[in-house]
Amino acid sequence: MKRVALVAFAAVAIAAPASAASLVNGGFEQPGTANVVYLHHGSTFLPGWTVVDSLPGGDDEIAYQNSAAYGGLGVVSSEGAHFLELTGVVGRGKGVKSNAIDTVAGKTYRVGFDVGAFFIRGQGSYGDVTLDLRLDDALAGSFTNTLGLTAGGSDWQRFTYDFVATGPSVRLTFLASTALTSSYLGAGLDNVTFDVVAAPPGAVPEPAAWALMILGFSLAGAGLRRGRPAHA
């Protein structure tokens, strides 16, 4: 009986997903800085992320900021102490790409992120901000935060995007949009999340999971039959 139970358990264990690589450092709290650090194209200073530039040849830096750096001007993160400002000193088309995140083909996932637009105390509005989200370098969508401030401060808006995975992993890229309607002076990114969207009640299990579970129960049944005492 013990051997049969182990066979069934093994089959169910195979059906369960193995430990997966998840999104790393979505709040950009690591490694941390007391002020501002400018990161150039190709930099891996931020654990889990690589700085990218879709318009090579110009300014290729983004700013990694602590809220303490320009908090007096109203520029602060949406959560935690740190955030990214994707225009860097000035410009568009720059951003960050995540390390590979494990997925299961056919499952639905949700990307969440905060887009920041800024009204700088003593300077004025830096304008509306549009960020582009790419999945494995393919544009998934553009998301615009229309600045709603008339005084110094940071205006953060939350966005989400759902997609169905088509392969074993995905990489997320966030870029300050090259659209001329988007600010080239300040484009904030913070609080990136990545989650599986729960299946609705009564959803049918995936075919692979069904097959493995049926195999496990079949093996268990066969073991029970073999273990029965013979009758004259």
Protein backbone atom coordinates (compact mmCIF):
# COMPACT_ATOMS: atom_id res chain seq x y z
CA MET A 1 0.00 0.00 0.00
CA LYS A 2 2.84 2.35 0.82
CA ARG A 3 4.36 1.79 -2.65
CA VAL A 4 1.01 2.51 -4.31
CA ALA A 5 0.60 5.73 -2.35
CA LEU A 6 4.06 6.83 -3.37
CA VAL A 7 3.30 6.19 -7.05
CA ALA A 8 0.13 8.28 -6.88
CA PHE A 9 1.91 11.06 -5.02
CA ALA A 10 4.72 11.10 -7.58
CA ALA A 11 2.27 11.48 -10.45
CA VAL A 12 0.49 14.38 -8.78
CA ALA A 13 3.84 15.97 -7.93
CA ILE A 14 4.88 15.75 -11.58
CA ALA A 15 1.66 17.55 -12.55
CA ALA A 16 2.47 20.43 -10.19
CA PRO A 17 4.73 23.19 -11.55
CA ALA A 18 8.35 23.25 -10.42
CA SER A 19 9.84 26.25 -8.68
CA ALA A 20 9.73 29.06 -11.25
CA ALA A 21 11.87 32.12 -11.91
CA SER A 22 9.75 35.09 -10.88
CA LEU A 23 10.01 38.83 -11.44
CA VAL A 24 12.96 40.24 -9.52
CA ASN A 25 13.17 43.70 -7.93
CA GLY A 26 9.90 45.05 -9.32
CA GLY A 27 9.97 47.95 -6.87
CA PHE A 28 13.59 48.83 -7.73
CA GLU A 29 14.56 48.87 -4.06
CA GLN A 30 17.81 47.02 -4.78
CA PRO A 31 20.66 47.81 -4.70
CA GLY A 32 19.54 51.20 -3.36
CA THR A 33 20.99 54.69 -3.52
CA ALA A 34 20.87 57.74 -1.30
CA ASN A 35 20.46 60.13 -4.23
CA VAL A 36 20.43 59.63 -8.02
CA VAL A 37 22.44 57.19 -10.15
CA TYR A 38 22.48 57.51 -13.95
CA LEU A 39 22.56 54.13 -15.67
CA HIS A 40 23.56 53.72 -19.31
CA HIS A 41 22.45 51.29 -22.03
CA GLY A 42 23.55 47.76 -21.16
CA SER A 43 23.88 48.41 -17.42
CA THR A 44 22.85 45.56 -15.10
CA PHE A 45 23.26 47.65 -11.95
CA LEU A 46 19.63 46.93 -11.01
CA PRO A 47 19.19 43.26 -10.00
CA GLY A 48 16.76 41.59 -12.39
CA TRP A 49 16.92 44.33 -15.04
CA THR A 50 19.03 45.60 -17.94
CA VAL A 51 18.98 49.19 -19.19
CA VAL A 52 18.00 49.44 -22.87
CA ASP A 53 17.83 52.20 -25.48
CA SER A 54 15.60 51.84 -28.55
CA LEU A 55 17.09 54.96 -30.18
CA PRO A 56 20.88 54.48 -30.17
CA GLY A 57 23.07 57.48 -30.83
CA GLY A 58 21.68 59.96 -28.33
CA ASP A 59 21.51 60.15 -24.56
CA ASP A 60 21.23 56.53 -23.46
CA GLU A 61 20.87 56.92 -19.70
CA ILE A 62 18.00 56.53 -17.27
CA ALA A 63 17.89 57.80 -13.69
CA TYR A 64 17.66 55.50 -10.66
CA GLN A 65 16.35 57.74 -7.90
CA ASN A 66 15.72 57.82 -4.19
CA SER A 67 12.69 59.89 -3.23
CA ALA A 68 14.99 61.90 -0.98
CA ALA A 69 16.89 63.27 -4.01
CA TYR A 70 14.19 65.62 -5.31
CA GLY A 71 11.46 65.15 -2.75
CA GLY A 72 11.64 68.85 -1.99
CA LEU A 73 10.54 69.52 -5.57
CA GLY A 74 7.69 67.03 -5.29
CA VAL A 75 9.38 64.14 -7.12
CA VAL A 76 8.85 60.93 -5.14
CA SER A 77 8.23 57.22 -5.76
CA SER A 78 4.82 55.58 -5.84
CA GLU A 79 5.87 52.98 -3.24
CA GLY A 80 9.02 52.25 -1.29
CA ALA A 81 11.98 54.60 -1.46
CA HIS A 82 13.15 54.18 -5.08
CA PHE A 83 11.86 54.47 -8.64
CA LEU A 84 13.09 54.84 -12.21
CA GLU A 85 12.93 57.99 -14.30
CA LEU A 86 13.21 56.68 -17.85
CA THR A 87 14.06 59.90 -19.70
CA GLY A 88 17.29 60.25 -17.71
CA VAL A 89 18.70 63.73 -18.22
CA VAL A 90 16.47 64.21 -21.25
CA GLY A 91 15.10 62.08 -24.09
CA ARG A 92 12.73 59.31 -25.13
CA GLY A 93 12.93 55.64 -26.11
CA LYS A 94 14.93 54.48 -23.09
CA GLY A 95 13.98 52.01 -20.40
CA VAL A 96 14.61 48.63 -18.80
CA LYS A 97 14.21 44.96 -19.74
CA SER A 98 13.59 42.26 -17.14
CA ASN A 99 15.40 38.98 -16.80
CA ALA A 100 13.46 36.00 -18.13
CA ILE A 101 10.37 35.13 -16.09
CA ASP A 102 9.12 31.54 -16.23
CA THR A 103 5.64 31.02 -17.68
CA VAL A 104 3.43 28.12 -18.71
CA ALA A 105 2.01 28.21 -22.23
CA GLY A 106 -1.74 28.71 -22.17
CA LYS A 107 -1.86 30.34 -18.74
CA THR A 108 -2.94 33.96 -18.32
CA TYR A 109 -0.62 36.43 -16.59
CA ARG A 110 -1.06 39.99 -15.41
CA VAL A 111 1.62 42.69 -15.55
CA GLY A 112 1.05 45.63 -13.21
CA PHE A 113 3.05 48.86 -13.06
CA ASP A 114 2.86 52.51 -12.00
CA VAL A 115 3.49 55.32 -14.50
CA GLY A 116 4.65 58.63 -13.05
CA ALA A 117 4.13 62.16 -14.38
CA PHE A 118 5.61 65.13 -12.55
CA PHE A 119 4.87 68.76 -11.75
CA ILE A 120 8.16 70.19 -10.51
CA ARG A 121 7.85 72.69 -7.71
CA GLY A 122 9.22 76.03 -8.92
CA GLN A 123 9.44 74.85 -12.56
CA GLY A 124 6.01 73.64 -13.63
CA SER A 125 4.51 70.69 -15.48
CA TYR A 126 6.73 68.14 -17.18
CA GLY A 127 3.73 66.98 -19.21
CA ASP A 128 1.85 63.75 -19.81
CA VAL A 129 3.77 60.48 -19.81
CA THR A 130 3.38 57.44 -22.06
CA LEU A 131 5.25 54.21 -21.41
CA ASP A 132 5.45 51.34 -23.90
CA LEU A 133 5.25 47.77 -22.62
CA ARG A 134 6.91 45.08 -24.72
CA LEU A 135 6.70 41.33 -24.24
CA ASP A 136 9.78 39.62 -25.67
CA ASP A 137 10.44 42.78 -27.72
CA ALA A 138 6.94 42.84 -29.28
CA LEU A 139 4.85 45.90 -28.42
CA ALA A 140 1.99 44.89 -26.11
CA GLY A 141 0.58 48.38 -25.54
CA SER A 142 1.19 52.04 -24.74
CA PHE A 143 -0.06 53.45 -21.44
CA THR A 144 -0.55 57.17 -20.83
CA ASN A 145 -0.76 59.00 -17.52
CA THR A 146 -2.38 62.38 -18.17
CA LEU A 147 -0.86 64.69 -15.58
CA GLY A 148 -3.56 65.90 -13.23
CA LEU A 149 -1.52 68.20 -11.00
CA THR A 150 -1.41 72.00 -10.98
CA ALA A 151 1.15 72.27 -8.18
CA GLY A 152 4.38 70.52 -7.26
CA GLY A 153 4.08 66.78 -6.87
CA SER A 154 4.20 63.31 -8.41
CA ASP A 155 1.16 61.90 -10.19
CA TRP A 156 1.30 58.10 -10.33
CA GLN A 157 -1.26 56.00 -12.18
CA ARG A 158 -1.60 52.22 -11.97
CA PHE A 159 -1.96 50.13 -15.13
CA THR A 160 -2.38 46.39 -15.73
CA TYR A 161 -2.06 44.23 -18.81
CA ASP A 162 -3.20 40.62 -19.17
CA PHE A 163 -1.77 38.18 -21.70
CA VAL A 164 -1.75 34.46 -22.44
CA ALA A 165 1.73 32.93 -22.40
CA THR A 166 2.85 31.16 -25.55
CA GLY A 167 6.15 29.75 -24.31
CA PRO A 168 8.21 28.79 -21.25
CA SER A 169 9.33 32.33 -20.38
CA VAL A 170 8.86 36.02 -21.10
CA ARG A 171 10.86 39.22 -20.66
CA LEU A 172 9.19 42.55 -19.93
CA THR A 173 10.48 45.80 -21.42
CA PHE A 174 9.33 49.25 -20.34
CA LEU A 175 10.30 52.24 -22.50
CA ALA A 176 9.64 55.95 -22.33
CA SER A 177 7.51 56.36 -25.45
CA THR A 178 8.99 58.04 -28.50
CA ALA A 179 5.62 59.73 -29.12
CA LEU A 180 6.03 63.51 -29.20
CA THR A 181 3.00 63.81 -26.90
CA SER A 182 4.96 62.09 -24.12
CA SER A 183 7.32 63.98 -21.82
CA TYR A 184 11.03 63.93 -22.63
CA LEU A 185 11.83 65.47 -19.24
CA GLY A 186 10.38 62.98 -16.78
CA ALA A 187 8.77 59.53 -17.12
CA GLY A 188 8.43 57.49 -13.95
CA LEU A 189 8.24 53.71 -13.54
CA ASP A 190 7.67 51.93 -10.22
CA ASN A 191 5.97 49.00 -8.50
CA VAL A 192 6.13 46.44 -11.33
CA THR A 193 4.31 43.18 -10.54
CA PHE A 194 3.81 39.90 -12.40
CA ASP A 195 1.13 37.40 -11.36
CA VAL A 196 -0.81 34.41 -12.63
CA VAL A 197 -4.46 35.24 -13.23
CA ALA A 198 -6.50 32.71 -11.27
CA ALA A 199 -8.65 30.39 -13.35
CA PRO A 200 -12.41 30.91 -12.88
CA PRO A 201 -14.28 28.40 -10.65
CA GLY A 202 -14.97 25.17 -12.48
CA ALA A 203 -12.22 25.72 -15.03
CA VAL A 204 -11.02 22.53 -16.73
CA PRO A 205 -7.45 21.50 -15.74
CA GLU A 206 -4.79 21.60 -18.43
CA PRO A 207 -4.55 18.45 -20.61
CA ALA A 208 -1.05 17.64 -19.36
CA ALA A 209 -2.18 17.78 -15.75
CA TRP A 210 -5.17 15.55 -16.51
CA ALA A 211 -2.99 12.98 -18.27
CA LEU A 212 -0.52 12.74 -15.40
CA MET A 213 -3.26 12.49 -12.77
CA ILE A 214 -5.02 9.72 -14.75
CA LEU A 215 -1.70 7.89 -15.08
CA GLY A 216 -1.15 8.14 -11.35
CA PHE A 217 -4.57 6.79 -10.48
CA SER A 218 -4.21 3.98 -13.04
CA LEU A 219 -0.90 2.92 -11.50
CA ALA A 220 -2.44 3.08 -8.05
CA GLY A 221 -5.36 0.90 -9.16
CA ALA A 222 -3.04 -1.64 -10.73
CA GLY A 223 -1.01 -1.79 -7.55
CA LEU A 224 -4.11 -2.41 -5.45
CA ARG A 225 -5.22 -5.24 -7.71
CA ARG A 226 -1.82 -6.91 -7.46
CA GLY A 227 -1.87 -6.56 -3.68
CA ARG A 228 -5.20 -8.38 -3.19
CA PRO A 229 -4.97 -11.89 -1.67
CA ALA A 230 -5.81 -14.79 -3.98
CA HIS A 231 -9.10 -16.67 -3.38
CA ALA A 232 -9.59 -20.39 -3.98
